[in-house]
């Protein structure tokens, strides 16, 4: 023990010791943050697998379970692991008694009744998972129709966003013209414009075009570049050496071919990053679908889930089941693309 105490000052007094301590503290903080984030998710999944009786009686337990019971004289009683005369036995609780006591009986010998303290005995449970909550929740409302609408809005809009933002970012990062930087600052300033400010003009425009209550107001605006994604792509495009453009031009490539065959293949991490950002935005967007979509046939998942929550307020297990299914696609998408996503965010944010 003395050697260990003498070793610690030397360890933490060195550079490596400081690095080791810093990494250890950082790891603990990140692990604690991960636990805090995962606990609500775990309880949501657990609640989606319980029945209403379990939620009311055992809401704070993570594992879906029910008390073990046994039948005595035609009636069912909960089983407990009790200790009688130093011997652990399984007994059924017949009824509670005053003073925190209860009457217990051995199912094999129902005539022998023991009066024991309840808090000293352990109730027995069995695993009780209700997978049927998921099909019941999905068939309560046309969620598959909402899923189709959401996928159309998400992926068609993503294609339009990548197309338009790539062109604009390419122009700002590669071309040189008078007032170009001023135009870029003007574009970035639109980020500060609240979406509520442009809501009424957009609604009037889409109403005159006959697009209200269709998916077009959610898709067509994505084909016009937005400042946030243009900024990320421009920052990444500026990290690509200009010598590659010059070499392509010497080979006879025009500016559009330079974009298609030189810039975009090199910018795959940035494209994946902005694609994921758009997917998360479109997948979870509730505000715009609520404004522009009036009939249930055109709703997206976010609006459908909110309505489902309002209708089935007391059916917490069904609400949690639909919520779990809604968060699965973003989690799966990020899981399979996290490496290239992180690379794109880092390069887009610190270079250029």
Protein backbone atom coordinates (compact mmCIF):
# COMPACT_ATOMS: atom_id res chain seq x y z
CA UNK A 1 0.00 0.00 0.00
CA UNK A 2 2.88 2.35 0.82
CA UNK A 3 4.42 1.74 -2.58
CA UNK A 4 1.14 2.61 -4.27
CA UNK A 5 0.87 5.89 -2.32
CA UNK A 6 4.45 6.77 -3.26
CA UNK A 7 3.75 5.93 -6.90
CA UNK A 8 0.66 8.12 -7.31
CA UNK A 9 2.37 11.54 -6.93
CA UNK A 10 4.95 10.51 -9.49
CA UNK A 11 2.26 9.28 -11.86
CA UNK A 12 0.08 12.38 -11.76
CA UNK A 13 3.10 14.67 -11.70
CA UNK A 14 4.22 13.65 -15.16
CA UNK A 15 2.81 14.75 -18.51
CA UNK A 16 1.57 11.25 -19.23
CA UNK A 17 -0.04 11.20 -15.83
CA UNK A 18 -1.94 14.39 -16.58
CA UNK A 19 -3.05 13.00 -19.94
CA UNK A 20 -4.15 9.76 -18.31
CA UNK A 21 -6.12 11.65 -15.66
CA UNK A 22 -7.71 13.94 -18.25
CA UNK A 23 -8.74 11.01 -20.47
CA UNK A 24 -10.13 9.15 -17.48
CA UNK A 25 -12.24 12.09 -16.32
CA UNK A 26 -13.43 12.76 -19.88
CA UNK A 27 -14.45 9.12 -20.30
CA UNK A 28 -16.38 9.16 -17.03
CA UNK A 29 -18.21 12.35 -17.98
CA UNK A 30 -19.13 10.97 -21.41
CA UNK A 31 -20.25 7.68 -19.88
CA UNK A 32 -22.43 9.53 -17.37
CA UNK A 33 -23.94 11.61 -20.16
CA UNK A 34 -24.63 8.47 -22.20
CA UNK A 35 -26.42 6.89 -19.23
CA UNK A 36 -28.55 9.99 -18.72
CA UNK A 37 -29.53 9.95 -22.38
CA UNK A 38 -30.18 6.20 -22.53
CA UNK A 39 -32.39 5.96 -19.43
CA UNK A 40 -35.46 7.69 -21.00
CA UNK A 41 -35.01 5.62 -24.15
CA UNK A 42 -34.86 2.40 -22.11
CA UNK A 43 -38.02 3.31 -20.20
CA UNK A 44 -39.81 4.18 -23.45
CA UNK A 45 -38.98 0.75 -24.90
CA UNK A 46 -39.93 -0.93 -21.62
CA UNK A 47 -43.28 0.88 -21.44
CA UNK A 48 -44.07 -0.09 -25.03
CA UNK A 49 -43.84 -3.76 -24.00
CA UNK A 50 -46.12 -3.53 -20.95
CA UNK A 51 -49.87 -3.78 -20.64
CA UNK A 52 -51.91 -1.01 -18.94
CA UNK A 53 -52.08 -2.93 -15.65
CA UNK A 54 -48.30 -3.20 -15.49
CA UNK A 55 -47.89 0.51 -16.20
CA UNK A 56 -50.25 1.46 -13.39
CA UNK A 57 -48.86 -0.94 -10.79
CA UNK A 58 -45.18 -1.21 -11.77
CA UNK A 59 -44.35 1.89 -13.80
CA UNK A 60 -40.87 2.46 -12.33
CA UNK A 61 -39.57 -1.01 -13.20
CA UNK A 62 -37.54 -1.27 -16.37
CA UNK A 63 -38.27 -4.94 -17.11
CA UNK A 64 -41.86 -5.78 -18.15
CA UNK A 65 -43.09 -8.21 -15.55
CA UNK A 66 -46.12 -9.54 -13.69
CA UNK A 67 -46.43 -11.04 -10.20
CA UNK A 68 -46.27 -14.82 -10.06
CA UNK A 69 -49.57 -16.27 -8.85
CA UNK A 70 -50.93 -19.58 -7.72
CA UNK A 71 -54.44 -20.94 -7.38
CA UNK A 72 -55.82 -21.91 -3.97
CA UNK A 73 -59.44 -23.02 -3.56
CA UNK A 74 -60.37 -21.55 -6.94
CA UNK A 75 -58.79 -18.13 -6.30
CA UNK A 76 -55.43 -16.74 -7.40
CA UNK A 77 -52.93 -15.21 -4.99
CA UNK A 78 -49.54 -13.55 -5.45
CA UNK A 79 -46.47 -15.59 -4.59
CA UNK A 80 -43.70 -14.40 -2.25
CA UNK A 81 -40.32 -15.73 -1.27
CA UNK A 82 -40.66 -15.86 2.52
CA UNK A 83 -38.43 -17.01 5.34
CA UNK A 84 -39.98 -19.18 8.05
CA UNK A 85 -37.80 -20.50 10.86
CA UNK A 86 -34.69 -19.72 8.80
CA UNK A 87 -35.98 -21.66 5.79
CA UNK A 88 -36.77 -19.87 2.51
CA UNK A 89 -40.05 -21.00 0.94
CA UNK A 90 -42.51 -19.89 -1.75
CA UNK A 91 -45.82 -18.91 -0.25
CA UNK A 92 -48.98 -17.17 -1.35
CA UNK A 93 -50.19 -14.03 0.40
CA UNK A 94 -53.82 -14.51 1.35
CA UNK A 95 -54.57 -11.06 2.77
CA UNK A 96 -52.96 -8.15 4.54
CA UNK A 97 -53.20 -7.71 8.30
CA UNK A 98 -52.79 -4.63 10.55
CA UNK A 99 -49.34 -3.43 11.49
CA UNK A 100 -47.69 -4.19 8.15
CA UNK A 101 -48.36 -7.90 8.54
CA UNK A 102 -49.95 -10.37 6.12
CA UNK A 103 -51.21 -13.92 6.13
CA UNK A 104 -49.12 -16.33 4.05
CA UNK A 105 -49.87 -19.91 3.18
CA UNK A 106 -47.94 -22.71 1.51
CA UNK A 107 -49.88 -23.78 -1.63
CA UNK A 108 -48.96 -27.39 -0.86
CA UNK A 109 -50.41 -27.07 2.68
CA UNK A 110 -53.22 -24.49 2.52
CA UNK A 111 -54.27 -25.18 6.11
CA UNK A 112 -51.06 -23.80 7.60
CA UNK A 113 -51.25 -20.01 7.81
CA UNK A 114 -48.32 -17.82 8.80
CA UNK A 115 -48.51 -14.18 9.82
CA UNK A 116 -45.36 -12.41 8.65
CA UNK A 117 -44.16 -8.86 7.94
CA UNK A 118 -44.74 -7.92 4.31
CA UNK A 119 -41.66 -5.73 3.93
CA UNK A 120 -39.41 -8.61 4.96
CA UNK A 121 -40.67 -10.85 2.16
CA UNK A 122 -39.79 -10.73 -1.54
CA UNK A 123 -42.56 -10.77 -4.17
CA UNK A 124 -41.97 -13.10 -7.09
CA UNK A 125 -42.37 -11.91 -10.68
CA UNK A 126 -42.31 -13.44 -14.12
CA UNK A 127 -41.28 -11.85 -17.42
CA UNK A 128 -44.34 -10.61 -19.30
CA UNK A 129 -43.59 -8.96 -22.66
CA UNK A 130 -46.47 -7.77 -24.85
CA UNK A 131 -45.20 -7.66 -28.43
CA UNK A 132 -48.78 -7.31 -29.61
CA UNK A 133 -48.68 -3.64 -28.58
CA UNK A 134 -46.81 -2.79 -31.78
CA UNK A 135 -49.26 -4.20 -34.37
CA UNK A 136 -52.16 -2.88 -32.29
CA UNK A 137 -50.69 0.61 -32.27
CA UNK A 138 -49.83 0.58 -35.98
CA UNK A 139 -53.33 -0.52 -36.99
CA UNK A 140 -55.13 1.96 -34.72
CA UNK A 141 -54.36 4.69 -37.29
CA UNK A 142 -53.07 4.48 -40.90
CA UNK A 143 -49.42 4.84 -39.88
CA UNK A 144 -48.17 3.03 -42.97
CA UNK A 145 -49.80 5.73 -45.11
CA UNK A 146 -48.15 8.38 -42.93
CA UNK A 147 -44.84 6.54 -43.30
CA UNK A 148 -45.13 6.62 -47.08
CA UNK A 149 -45.86 10.34 -47.06
CA UNK A 150 -42.92 10.98 -44.73
CA UNK A 151 -40.52 8.98 -46.88
CA UNK A 152 -41.61 10.88 -50.01
CA UNK A 153 -41.17 14.25 -48.31
CA UNK A 154 -37.85 13.23 -46.77
CA UNK A 155 -36.03 11.63 -49.68
CA UNK A 156 -37.39 13.70 -52.56
CA UNK A 157 -36.70 16.83 -50.56
CA UNK A 158 -33.23 15.51 -49.72
CA UNK A 159 -32.47 15.03 -53.41
CA UNK A 160 -33.58 18.58 -54.17
CA UNK A 161 -31.62 19.98 -51.24
CA UNK A 162 -28.39 18.22 -52.25
CA UNK A 163 -28.80 19.31 -55.87
CA UNK A 164 -29.47 22.99 -55.18
CA UNK A 165 -27.08 23.42 -52.24
CA UNK A 166 -24.23 21.75 -54.12
CA UNK A 167 -24.61 24.15 -57.03
CA UNK A 168 -24.76 27.25 -54.81
CA UNK A 169 -21.90 26.10 -52.58
CA UNK A 170 -19.81 25.32 -55.67
CA UNK A 171 -20.35 28.83 -56.97
CA UNK A 172 -19.40 30.48 -53.69
CA UNK A 173 -16.32 28.31 -53.15
CA UNK A 174 -14.85 28.19 -56.64
CA UNK A 175 -15.91 31.26 -58.60
CA UNK A 176 -14.63 34.79 -58.04
CA UNK A 177 -16.81 37.79 -58.72
CA UNK A 178 -17.43 41.26 -57.38
CA UNK A 179 -19.67 41.40 -54.31
CA UNK A 180 -19.56 37.60 -54.00
CA UNK A 181 -18.64 37.69 -50.31
CA UNK A 182 -21.39 40.22 -49.68
CA UNK A 183 -23.90 37.92 -51.35
CA UNK A 184 -22.68 35.05 -49.18
CA UNK A 185 -23.14 37.14 -46.04
CA UNK A 186 -26.61 38.08 -47.23
CA UNK A 187 -27.39 34.40 -47.69
CA UNK A 188 -26.13 33.56 -44.21
CA UNK A 189 -28.21 36.36 -42.71
CA UNK A 190 -31.37 34.49 -43.75
CA UNK A 191 -30.62 31.95 -41.00
CA UNK A 192 -31.66 34.61 -38.48
CA UNK A 193 -35.08 35.01 -40.16
CA UNK A 194 -37.70 33.10 -38.10
CA UNK A 195 -39.82 30.67 -40.09
CA UNK A 196 -42.98 32.23 -38.62
CA UNK A 197 -42.22 35.49 -40.45
CA UNK A 198 -42.53 33.88 -43.86
CA UNK A 199 -45.40 31.56 -42.98
CA UNK A 200 -48.31 33.74 -44.13
CA UNK A 201 -46.72 34.81 -47.46
CA UNK A 202 -45.79 31.21 -48.21
CA UNK A 203 -49.25 29.95 -47.33
CA UNK A 204 -50.88 32.53 -49.60
CA UNK A 205 -48.47 31.64 -52.41
CA UNK A 206 -49.09 27.90 -52.11
CA UNK A 207 -52.83 28.44 -51.83
CA UNK A 208 -52.86 30.46 -55.07
CA UNK A 209 -50.87 27.69 -56.73
CA UNK A 210 -53.34 25.07 -55.46
CA UNK A 211 -50.65 23.23 -53.49
CA UNK A 212 -52.20 23.47 -50.01
CA UNK A 213 -53.18 20.02 -48.68
CA UNK A 214 -50.59 18.37 -50.92
CA UNK A 215 -47.00 17.32 -50.28
CA UNK A 216 -45.62 19.94 -52.69
CA UNK A 217 -45.19 22.76 -50.10
CA UNK A 218 -42.94 20.40 -48.14
CA UNK A 219 -40.90 19.23 -51.15
CA UNK A 220 -40.55 22.05 -53.67
CA UNK A 221 -38.90 24.61 -51.30
CA UNK A 222 -36.08 22.10 -50.74
CA UNK A 223 -35.04 22.57 -54.39
CA UNK A 224 -34.07 26.15 -53.48
CA UNK A 225 -30.84 26.19 -51.49
CA UNK A 226 -30.89 26.99 -47.78
CA UNK A 227 -28.12 28.93 -46.07
CA UNK A 228 -27.19 26.33 -43.43
CA UNK A 229 -26.43 23.47 -45.84
CA UNK A 230 -24.78 25.81 -48.35
CA UNK A 231 -22.43 27.01 -45.62
CA UNK A 232 -21.42 23.47 -44.64
CA UNK A 233 -20.84 22.39 -48.24
CA UNK A 234 -18.95 25.57 -49.11
CA UNK A 235 -16.61 25.08 -46.16
CA UNK A 236 -15.84 21.56 -47.31
CA UNK A 237 -15.48 22.48 -50.99
CA UNK A 238 -12.86 25.06 -50.03
CA UNK A 239 -10.68 22.31 -48.52
CA UNK A 240 -10.41 20.59 -51.92
CA UNK A 241 -7.23 21.74 -53.72
CA UNK A 242 -7.76 24.07 -56.66
CA UNK A 243 -5.09 22.13 -58.55
CA UNK A 244 -7.64 19.37 -59.13
CA UNK A 245 -9.92 21.86 -60.88
CA UNK A 246 -7.05 23.13 -63.01
CA UNK A 247 -6.07 19.61 -64.02
CA UNK A 248 -9.65 18.83 -65.01
CA UNK A 249 -9.90 22.06 -67.04
CA UNK A 250 -6.68 21.18 -68.85
CA UNK A 251 -8.31 17.88 -69.80
CA UNK A 252 -11.21 19.84 -71.28
CA UNK A 253 -13.75 19.67 -68.43
CA UNK A 254 -16.26 22.48 -68.12
CA UNK A 255 -17.32 23.87 -64.69
CA UNK A 256 -20.29 21.51 -64.43
CA UNK A 257 -18.09 18.50 -65.16
CA UNK A 258 -15.60 19.71 -62.55
CA UNK A 259 -18.43 19.74 -60.02
CA UNK A 260 -19.74 16.29 -60.99
CA UNK A 261 -16.46 14.43 -61.41
CA UNK A 262 -14.04 16.26 -59.11
CA UNK A 263 -15.82 18.15 -56.33
CA UNK A 264 -18.77 15.90 -55.46
CA UNK A 265 -16.82 12.62 -55.22
CA UNK A 266 -14.32 14.33 -52.91
CA UNK A 267 -17.11 15.87 -50.84
CA UNK A 268 -18.93 12.64 -50.02
CA UNK A 269 -18.54 13.08 -46.21
CA UNK A 270 -20.03 16.58 -46.36
CA UNK A 271 -22.89 15.43 -48.59
CA UNK A 272 -23.70 12.60 -46.20
CA UNK A 273 -23.62 15.01 -43.27
CA UNK A 274 -26.04 17.52 -44.75
CA UNK A 275 -28.18 14.63 -45.99
CA UNK A 276 -28.48 13.28 -42.44
CA UNK A 277 -29.26 16.75 -41.11
CA UNK A 278 -32.03 17.11 -43.67
CA UNK A 279 -33.37 13.62 -42.95
CA UNK A 280 -33.66 14.39 -39.25
CA UNK A 281 -35.29 17.74 -39.94
CA UNK A 282 -37.85 16.38 -42.43
CA UNK A 283 -38.53 13.22 -40.42
CA UNK A 284 -39.32 15.12 -37.21
CA UNK A 285 -40.89 18.23 -38.75
CA UNK A 286 -44.30 18.85 -37.23
CA UNK A 287 -44.84 22.55 -37.81
CA UNK A 288 -45.04 22.78 -41.60
CA UNK A 289 -47.03 19.55 -42.21
CA UNK A 290 -49.55 20.72 -39.61
CA UNK A 291 -49.99 24.03 -41.46
CA UNK A 292 -50.11 22.81 -45.06
CA UNK A 293 -51.71 19.35 -44.74
CA UNK A 294 -55.41 19.35 -43.86
CA UNK A 295 -56.67 15.83 -44.53
CA UNK A 296 -55.50 12.71 -42.72
CA UNK A 297 -54.52 10.95 -45.94
CA UNK A 298 -51.70 13.46 -46.48
CA UNK A 299 -50.36 13.60 -42.94
CA UNK A 300 -46.79 12.73 -42.07
CA UNK A 301 -45.68 10.60 -39.13
CA UNK A 302 -45.05 13.58 -36.86
CA UNK A 303 -48.61 14.90 -37.24
CA UNK A 304 -50.08 11.39 -37.05
CA UNK A 305 -48.18 10.63 -33.85
CA UNK A 306 -49.31 13.88 -32.22
CA UNK A 307 -52.94 13.14 -33.09
CA UNK A 308 -52.54 9.55 -31.89
CA UNK A 309 -51.20 10.89 -28.59
CA UNK A 310 -54.24 13.14 -28.20
CA UNK A 311 -56.73 10.36 -29.00
CA UNK A 312 -55.13 7.53 -27.03
CA UNK A 313 -53.91 9.54 -24.05
CA UNK A 314 -54.55 6.80 -21.49
CA UNK A 315 -52.99 4.08 -23.65
CA UNK A 316 -49.42 4.92 -22.78
CA UNK A 317 -48.13 1.56 -23.99
CA UNK A 318 -49.47 2.17 -27.50
CA UNK A 319 -48.08 5.71 -27.62
CA UNK A 320 -44.65 4.46 -26.58
CA UNK A 321 -44.80 1.67 -29.18
CA UNK A 322 -45.39 4.11 -32.02
CA UNK A 323 -42.73 6.46 -30.62
CA UNK A 324 -40.16 3.65 -30.58
CA UNK A 325 -40.90 2.82 -34.21
CA UNK A 326 -40.56 6.48 -35.18
CA UNK A 327 -37.08 6.88 -33.70
CA UNK A 328 -35.71 3.62 -35.14
CA UNK A 329 -34.96 4.92 -38.70
CA UNK A 330 -32.87 7.95 -37.54
CA UNK A 331 -30.93 5.74 -35.12
CA UNK A 332 -30.26 3.11 -37.77
CA UNK A 333 -29.25 5.76 -40.31
CA UNK A 334 -26.81 7.40 -37.93
CA UNK A 335 -25.43 4.03 -36.77
CA UNK A 336 -24.43 2.99 -40.28
CA UNK A 337 -23.12 6.41 -41.34
CA UNK A 338 -21.66 7.81 -38.12
CA UNK A 339 -18.02 7.60 -39.24
CA UNK A 340 -18.47 9.46 -42.50
CA UNK A 341 -20.96 11.82 -40.83
CA UNK A 342 -18.46 12.79 -38.13
CA UNK A 343 -15.74 13.26 -40.73
CA UNK A 344 -17.97 15.56 -42.78
CA UNK A 345 -18.96 17.67 -39.78
CA UNK A 346 -15.34 18.09 -38.62
CA UNK A 347 -13.98 19.10 -42.02
CA UNK A 348 -16.94 21.36 -42.79
CA UNK A 349 -16.66 23.13 -39.47
CA UNK A 350 -12.93 23.77 -39.02
CA UNK A 351 -11.44 24.13 -42.48
CA UNK A 352 -11.81 26.71 -45.21
